[in-house]
Amino acid sequence: MSYAIIRNANYKKDNLAGLYKHNERKNTNYSNKDINKNNSFKNYSIKQCNTTYLNAIKILQKENNLQGRIIKTTNVACELIITSDKDYFKEIGEEETKRYFQTAYDFVSNYKNLGEKYILSAKVHMDETTPHMHLTFIPVIHKKDKKTGKQIDKIACSEYWKGKDSYRELQDNFYKYIIEHGFNLERGKTSDSKHLNIETLKQITNYENIKYEITQEKIQPINTKNPELILKQNNELIKHTNKLKEQLSKSYMAINRVEKLEKENYMLKQENEELKKENSKLKNYIEKTFEVVKHLFDFPLDRFKRLVDNFTKYFQK
């Protein structure tokens, strides 16, 4: 089963230049060997940023009178990586993949009443192994000013992600939203509320998902002074190893089924082409036969065809 994956990373002003260049493909060379520059033309924006992220933030600050003290250590932007696995996107096809990312964009726009205007950029990358979207936004909260009582918008990353379960709530709500919009996925699973490293996340496939889930299980260091504990932990390791083997076995079986279906589909296509050729030959032969009968017996062609049709229907009863 594939997962609905959404993960967050927070960024300070000094980190935004590099983030912008990577997401908008402004670099000349990339250390990430997973990027196929020949496919970069397939990348597209759901929301285009026509300037740098930092400059876009300054513009929005001025236009919307955004409150919040910005210093060097302030997280001024968040980036959500939204994806699933490559086999899922291959299965649902190009149009549904586009709908998945558009649905995710709509979710973020409304999550915590953020507002689409505070989304800086939403870039879908199709030039890596797994399609994914980089959605960069300003963590703006809407609250009343303590002094004036007026409603204000404020850049406040710590308040936007307030509470130890804030990321878990994000995953829960995203999963619910995606399911409601017709995507057959499971909730992304993690052993705690922390998010994956972005580069690690990009490498996720069905196999990597399985491996990651199992490695998140809490296994305590072995205490060599306690034989019973050693035996217990050894059994736990065996159990988790068997779990991985079982999941991998299912994956291999699924691959084999797909390959078998592809082969059967190819054979059916070939058979269908042959039948089309035979059908064309028969139609041509019948038409010529009608013409011969018409000239031999001076019999109206339309009437003769009706007689043949009636004769055929009689034997089909």
Protein backbone atom coordinates (compact mmCIF):
# COMPACT_ATOMS: atom_id res chain seq x y z
CA MET A 1 0.00 0.00 0.00
CA SER A 2 1.21 3.50 -0.79
CA TYR A 3 1.28 6.41 1.65
CA ALA A 4 0.06 10.02 1.57
CA ILE A 5 3.27 11.79 2.55
CA ILE A 6 3.64 15.35 3.80
CA ARG A 7 6.73 16.60 5.67
CA ASN A 8 7.83 20.03 6.85
CA ALA A 9 11.15 21.87 7.23
CA ASN A 10 11.62 25.39 8.60
CA TYR A 11 14.02 27.96 7.11
CA LYS A 12 15.75 31.13 8.26
CA LYS A 13 16.54 34.06 5.95
CA ASP A 14 20.09 32.88 5.22
CA ASN A 15 18.83 29.52 3.93
CA LEU A 16 16.27 30.87 1.48
CA ALA A 17 18.63 31.60 -1.42
CA GLY A 18 19.75 27.98 -1.70
CA LEU A 19 16.19 26.72 -1.28
CA TYR A 20 14.97 29.03 -4.06
CA LYS A 21 17.71 27.97 -6.48
CA HIS A 22 17.04 24.27 -5.90
CA ASN A 23 13.25 24.41 -6.10
CA GLU A 24 13.13 26.70 -9.11
CA ARG A 25 16.00 24.83 -10.80
CA LYS A 26 18.25 27.89 -10.98
CA ASN A 27 21.45 25.93 -10.39
CA THR A 28 23.72 24.80 -13.21
CA ASN A 29 24.95 21.64 -11.53
CA TYR A 30 23.39 19.45 -8.83
CA SER A 31 25.07 17.10 -6.39
CA ASN A 32 21.85 15.08 -6.27
CA LYS A 33 22.41 12.37 -8.89
CA ASP A 34 18.71 11.56 -8.76
CA ILE A 35 17.95 14.65 -10.85
CA ASN A 36 17.60 13.98 -14.58
CA LYS A 37 18.04 17.41 -16.18
CA ASN A 38 16.67 16.06 -19.48
CA ASN A 39 13.27 15.73 -17.79
CA SER A 40 13.29 19.13 -16.08
CA PHE A 41 10.98 20.52 -18.78
CA LYS A 42 8.25 18.34 -17.22
CA ASN A 43 8.44 20.30 -13.94
CA TYR A 44 5.65 22.80 -13.42
CA SER A 45 4.38 25.38 -10.94
CA ILE A 46 0.99 25.40 -9.29
CA LYS A 47 2.05 28.78 -7.93
CA GLN A 48 4.99 30.56 -9.55
CA CYS A 49 7.35 32.79 -7.58
CA ASN A 50 8.62 35.51 -9.91
CA THR A 51 11.31 36.75 -7.54
CA THR A 52 13.49 35.29 -4.78
CA TYR A 53 11.74 33.87 -1.75
CA LEU A 54 13.30 36.48 0.53
CA ASN A 55 12.19 39.34 -1.70
CA ALA A 56 8.70 37.84 -1.96
CA ILE A 57 8.48 37.74 1.85
CA LYS A 58 9.49 41.42 2.07
CA ILE A 59 6.80 42.35 -0.46
CA LEU A 60 4.12 40.42 1.43
CA GLN A 61 5.27 41.96 4.71
CA LYS A 62 4.74 45.43 3.31
CA GLU A 63 1.49 44.73 1.47
CA ASN A 64 -0.19 42.99 4.42
CA ASN A 65 1.48 44.79 7.31
CA LEU A 66 2.77 41.48 8.64
CA GLN A 67 3.76 41.66 12.28
CA GLY A 68 6.53 39.72 13.99
CA ARG A 69 10.12 40.54 14.86
CA ILE A 70 12.46 39.11 12.24
CA ILE A 71 16.02 38.44 13.37
CA LYS A 72 18.78 36.15 12.13
CA THR A 73 17.49 33.13 14.06
CA THR A 74 13.82 33.58 13.08
CA ASN A 75 12.21 30.90 10.93
CA VAL A 76 10.54 32.99 8.25
CA ALA A 77 9.49 30.26 5.82
CA CYS A 78 8.37 26.64 5.84
CA GLU A 79 8.70 24.10 3.08
CA LEU A 80 6.36 21.15 2.75
CA ILE A 81 7.47 18.18 0.70
CA ILE A 82 4.37 16.39 -0.57
CA THR A 83 4.59 13.06 -2.35
CA SER A 84 3.77 9.34 -2.30
CA ASP A 85 5.82 6.67 -4.08
CA LYS A 86 6.72 6.37 -7.76
CA ASP A 87 4.69 3.17 -8.31
CA TYR A 88 1.53 4.89 -7.06
CA PHE A 89 1.97 7.83 -9.43
CA LYS A 90 2.69 5.44 -12.28
CA GLU A 91 -0.50 3.54 -11.44
CA ILE A 92 -2.84 6.56 -11.30
CA GLY A 93 -1.40 8.25 -14.39
CA GLU A 94 -0.45 11.81 -15.34
CA GLU A 95 -3.81 13.56 -14.90
CA GLU A 96 -4.54 12.05 -11.48
CA THR A 97 -0.98 12.84 -10.38
CA LYS A 98 -1.61 16.48 -11.27
CA ARG A 99 -4.90 16.37 -9.35
CA TYR A 100 -3.10 14.90 -6.32
CA PHE A 101 -0.69 17.83 -6.13
CA GLN A 102 -3.44 20.38 -6.81
CA THR A 103 -5.51 18.80 -4.01
CA ALA A 104 -2.52 19.00 -1.68
CA TYR A 105 -2.04 22.67 -2.63
CA ASP A 106 -5.68 23.42 -1.81
CA PHE A 107 -5.28 21.65 1.54
CA VAL A 108 -2.28 23.77 2.55
CA SER A 109 -4.00 26.99 1.42
CA ASN A 110 -6.81 26.36 3.90
CA TYR A 111 -4.89 24.59 6.67
CA LYS A 112 -4.94 26.67 9.85
CA ASN A 113 -6.63 29.38 7.79
CA LEU A 114 -3.25 30.20 6.18
CA GLY A 115 -4.52 31.79 2.98
CA GLU A 116 -3.19 31.19 -0.54
CA LYS A 117 -1.51 34.59 -0.66
CA TYR A 118 1.05 33.45 1.91
CA ILE A 119 2.18 30.55 -0.28
CA LEU A 120 5.39 31.73 -1.94
CA SER A 121 5.83 28.88 -4.38
CA ALA A 122 4.44 25.44 -5.21
CA LYS A 123 6.79 23.60 -7.57
CA VAL A 124 6.20 20.04 -8.77
CA HIS A 125 9.39 18.17 -9.67
CA MET A 126 8.97 15.45 -12.29
CA ASP A 127 12.68 15.17 -13.08
CA GLU A 128 13.56 12.94 -10.12
CA THR A 129 12.79 9.28 -9.41
CA THR A 130 9.60 10.07 -7.50
CA PRO A 131 7.29 13.00 -8.37
CA HIS A 132 6.99 15.43 -5.46
CA MET A 133 5.97 19.00 -4.70
CA HIS A 134 8.00 21.66 -2.88
CA LEU A 135 5.46 24.02 -1.33
CA THR A 136 7.09 27.02 0.37
CA PHE A 137 5.00 29.34 2.55
CA ILE A 138 5.23 31.97 5.26
CA PRO A 139 4.00 30.61 8.62
CA VAL A 140 1.42 33.33 9.23
CA ILE A 141 -1.03 33.20 12.13
CA HIS A 142 -4.15 35.33 12.45
CA LYS A 143 -4.79 36.76 15.91
CA LYS A 144 -5.94 39.82 17.83
CA ASP A 145 -3.41 42.43 18.89
CA LYS A 146 -3.23 42.50 22.69
CA LYS A 147 -2.97 46.29 22.79
CA THR A 148 -5.47 47.39 20.15
CA GLY A 149 -7.74 44.35 19.95
CA LYS A 150 -7.56 44.52 16.15
CA GLN A 151 -7.09 41.47 13.97
CA ILE A 152 -3.49 41.16 12.72
CA ASP A 153 -1.42 38.76 10.62
CA LYS A 154 1.87 37.75 12.18
CA ILE A 155 4.90 35.71 11.05
CA ALA A 156 5.26 33.21 13.88
CA CYS A 157 6.63 29.77 12.98
CA SER A 158 6.66 28.54 16.60
CA GLU A 159 2.99 29.48 17.01
CA TYR A 160 1.98 28.03 13.65
CA TRP A 161 3.52 24.69 14.69
CA LYS A 162 2.46 25.08 18.30
CA GLY A 163 2.35 21.92 20.41
CA LYS A 164 4.34 18.69 20.34
CA ASP A 165 1.66 17.00 18.19
CA SER A 166 1.49 19.74 15.55
CA TYR A 167 3.20 17.66 12.86
CA ARG A 168 1.11 14.62 13.70
CA GLU A 169 -2.02 16.75 13.37
CA LEU A 170 -0.77 17.94 9.98
CA GLN A 171 -0.41 14.34 8.80
CA ASP A 172 -3.81 13.35 10.19
CA ASN A 173 -5.61 16.25 8.52
CA PHE A 174 -3.74 15.85 5.23
CA TYR A 175 -4.55 12.13 5.10
CA LYS A 176 -8.24 12.81 5.81
CA TYR A 177 -8.39 15.50 3.11
CA ILE A 178 -6.65 13.33 0.49
CA ILE A 179 -8.93 10.36 1.19
CA GLU A 180 -12.04 12.56 0.97
CA HIS A 181 -10.90 13.63 -2.49
CA GLY A 182 -10.72 10.09 -3.84
CA PHE A 183 -7.09 9.00 -3.44
CA ASN A 184 -6.66 5.45 -2.14
CA LEU A 185 -3.68 5.88 0.16
CA GLU A 186 -2.65 5.09 3.72
CA ARG A 187 -1.62 7.69 6.27
CA GLY A 188 2.12 8.37 6.29
CA LYS A 189 3.57 6.56 9.30
CA THR A 190 6.31 7.69 11.64
CA SER A 191 7.27 6.55 15.12
CA ASP A 192 7.16 10.11 16.46
CA SER A 193 6.24 13.64 15.42
CA LYS A 194 9.61 14.44 13.82
CA HIS A 195 9.86 14.87 10.08
CA LEU A 196 12.20 13.07 7.74
CA ASN A 197 15.28 14.74 6.35
CA ILE A 198 14.27 16.16 2.96
CA GLU A 199 16.88 14.24 0.96
CA THR A 200 15.92 11.00 2.73
CA LEU A 201 12.28 11.66 1.98
CA LYS A 202 12.90 12.10 -1.74
CA GLN A 203 14.37 8.61 -1.96
CA ILE A 204 11.26 6.92 -0.54
CA THR A 205 9.78 4.13 -2.65
CA ASN A 206 7.57 1.22 -1.59
CA TYR A 207 10.64 -0.70 -0.51
CA GLU A 208 12.10 2.28 1.34
CA ASN A 209 8.77 2.90 3.08
CA ILE A 210 8.75 -0.64 4.42
CA LYS A 211 12.36 -0.45 5.53
CA TYR A 212 11.88 2.92 7.17
CA GLU A 213 8.80 1.83 9.11
CA ILE A 214 10.59 -1.17 10.55
CA THR A 215 13.75 0.72 11.47
CA GLN A 216 11.66 3.16 13.50
CA GLU A 217 10.73 0.47 16.04
CA LYS A 218 12.33 1.16 19.41
CA ILE A 219 14.88 -1.56 20.16
CA GLN A 220 16.92 -0.99 23.27
CA PRO A 221 20.73 -1.55 23.39
CA ILE A 222 21.64 -5.09 24.40
CA ASN A 223 22.52 -5.61 28.05
CA THR A 224 25.13 -8.37 28.04
CA LYS A 225 24.71 -8.92 31.78
CA ASN A 226 21.11 -10.02 31.44
CA PRO A 227 20.72 -13.28 29.42
CA GLU A 228 16.93 -13.10 29.54
CA LEU A 229 16.95 -9.61 28.09
CA ILE A 230 19.36 -10.70 25.36
CA LEU A 231 16.98 -13.51 24.40
CA LYS A 232 14.01 -11.17 24.43
CA GLN A 233 15.74 -8.59 22.24
CA ASN A 234 16.98 -11.29 19.90
CA ASN A 235 13.40 -12.45 19.45
CA GLU A 236 12.37 -8.87 18.71
CA LEU A 237 15.05 -8.59 16.04
CA ILE A 238 13.90 -11.88 14.49
CA LYS A 239 10.29 -10.67 14.54
CA HIS A 240 11.16 -7.39 12.78
CA THR A 241 13.38 -9.19 10.27
CA ASN A 242 10.56 -11.58 9.44
CA LYS A 243 8.24 -8.62 9.06
CA LEU A 244 10.58 -7.06 6.52
CA LYS A 245 10.92 -10.36 4.65
CA GLU A 246 7.15 -10.72 4.52
CA GLN A 247 6.65 -7.21 3.18
CA LEU A 248 9.41 -7.63 0.60
CA SER A 249 7.93 -10.96 -0.47
CA LYS A 250 4.59 -9.27 -1.05
CA SER A 251 6.31 -6.56 -3.09
CA TYR A 252 8.07 -9.16 -5.28
CA MET A 253 4.78 -11.03 -5.77
CA ALA A 254 3.08 -7.80 -6.80
CA ILE A 255 5.88 -7.06 -9.30
CA ASN A 256 5.55 -10.56 -10.76
CA ARG A 257 1.78 -10.13 -11.10
CA VAL A 258 2.24 -6.82 -12.88
CA GLU A 259 4.80 -8.32 -15.27
CA LYS A 260 2.45 -11.25 -15.96
CA LEU A 261 -0.48 -8.90 -16.62
CA GLU A 262 1.67 -6.76 -18.91
CA LYS A 263 2.67 -9.85 -20.88
CA GLU A 264 -0.96 -11.03 -21.11
CA ASN A 265 -2.03 -7.56 -22.16
CA TYR A 266 0.60 -7.53 -24.92
CA MET A 267 -0.59 -10.94 -26.18
CA LEU A 268 -4.21 -9.77 -26.19
CA LYS A 269 -3.25 -6.68 -28.15
CA GLN A 270 -1.46 -8.84 -30.72
CA GLU A 271 -4.45 -11.18 -30.95
CA ASN A 272 -6.79 -8.21 -31.33
CA GLU A 273 -4.71 -6.84 -34.20
CA GLU A 274 -4.87 -10.22 -35.97
CA LEU A 275 -8.63 -10.36 -35.51
CA LYS A 276 -8.97 -6.87 -36.96
CA LYS A 277 -7.02 -7.95 -40.03
CA GLU A 278 -9.15 -11.09 -40.48
CA ASN A 279 -12.33 -9.07 -40.01
CA SER A 280 -11.22 -6.62 -42.68
CA LYS A 281 -10.48 -9.47 -45.08
CA LEU A 282 -13.88 -11.07 -44.47
CA LYS A 283 -15.71 -7.78 -45.04
CA ASN A 284 -13.86 -7.30 -48.29
CA TYR A 285 -14.62 -10.87 -49.38
CA ILE A 286 -18.33 -10.51 -48.57
CA GLU A 287 -18.61 -7.24 -50.49
CA LYS A 288 -17.00 -8.82 -53.54
CA THR A 289 -19.34 -11.82 -53.23
CA PHE A 290 -22.36 -9.51 -53.24
CA GLU A 291 -21.06 -7.81 -56.38
CA VAL A 292 -20.59 -11.16 -58.18
CA VAL A 293 -24.12 -12.31 -57.28
CA LYS A 294 -25.54 -8.99 -58.46
CA HIS A 295 -23.95 -9.33 -61.92
CA LEU A 296 -24.63 -13.08 -62.32
CA PHE A 297 -28.31 -13.03 -61.42
CA ASP A 298 -29.23 -9.41 -62.05
CA PHE A 299 -30.57 -9.32 -58.47
CA PRO A 300 -30.91 -6.00 -56.54
CA LEU A 301 -27.95 -5.76 -54.19
CA ASP A 302 -29.85 -4.19 -51.26
CA ARG A 303 -32.50 -6.90 -51.37
CA PHE A 304 -29.90 -9.63 -51.49
CA LYS A 305 -28.14 -8.19 -48.41
CA ARG A 306 -31.44 -8.14 -46.52
CA LEU A 307 -32.05 -11.78 -47.37
CA VAL A 308 -28.61 -12.73 -46.10
CA ASP A 309 -29.11 -10.76 -42.86
CA ASN A 310 -32.48 -12.45 -42.24
CA PHE A 311 -30.98 -15.84 -42.97
CA THR A 312 -28.14 -15.18 -40.49
CA LYS A 313 -30.52 -13.97 -37.75
CA TYR A 314 -32.68 -17.09 -38.20
CA PHE A 315 -29.75 -19.38 -37.34
CA GLN A 316 -28.70 -17.21 -34.40
CA LYS A 317 -31.98 -17.80 -32.55
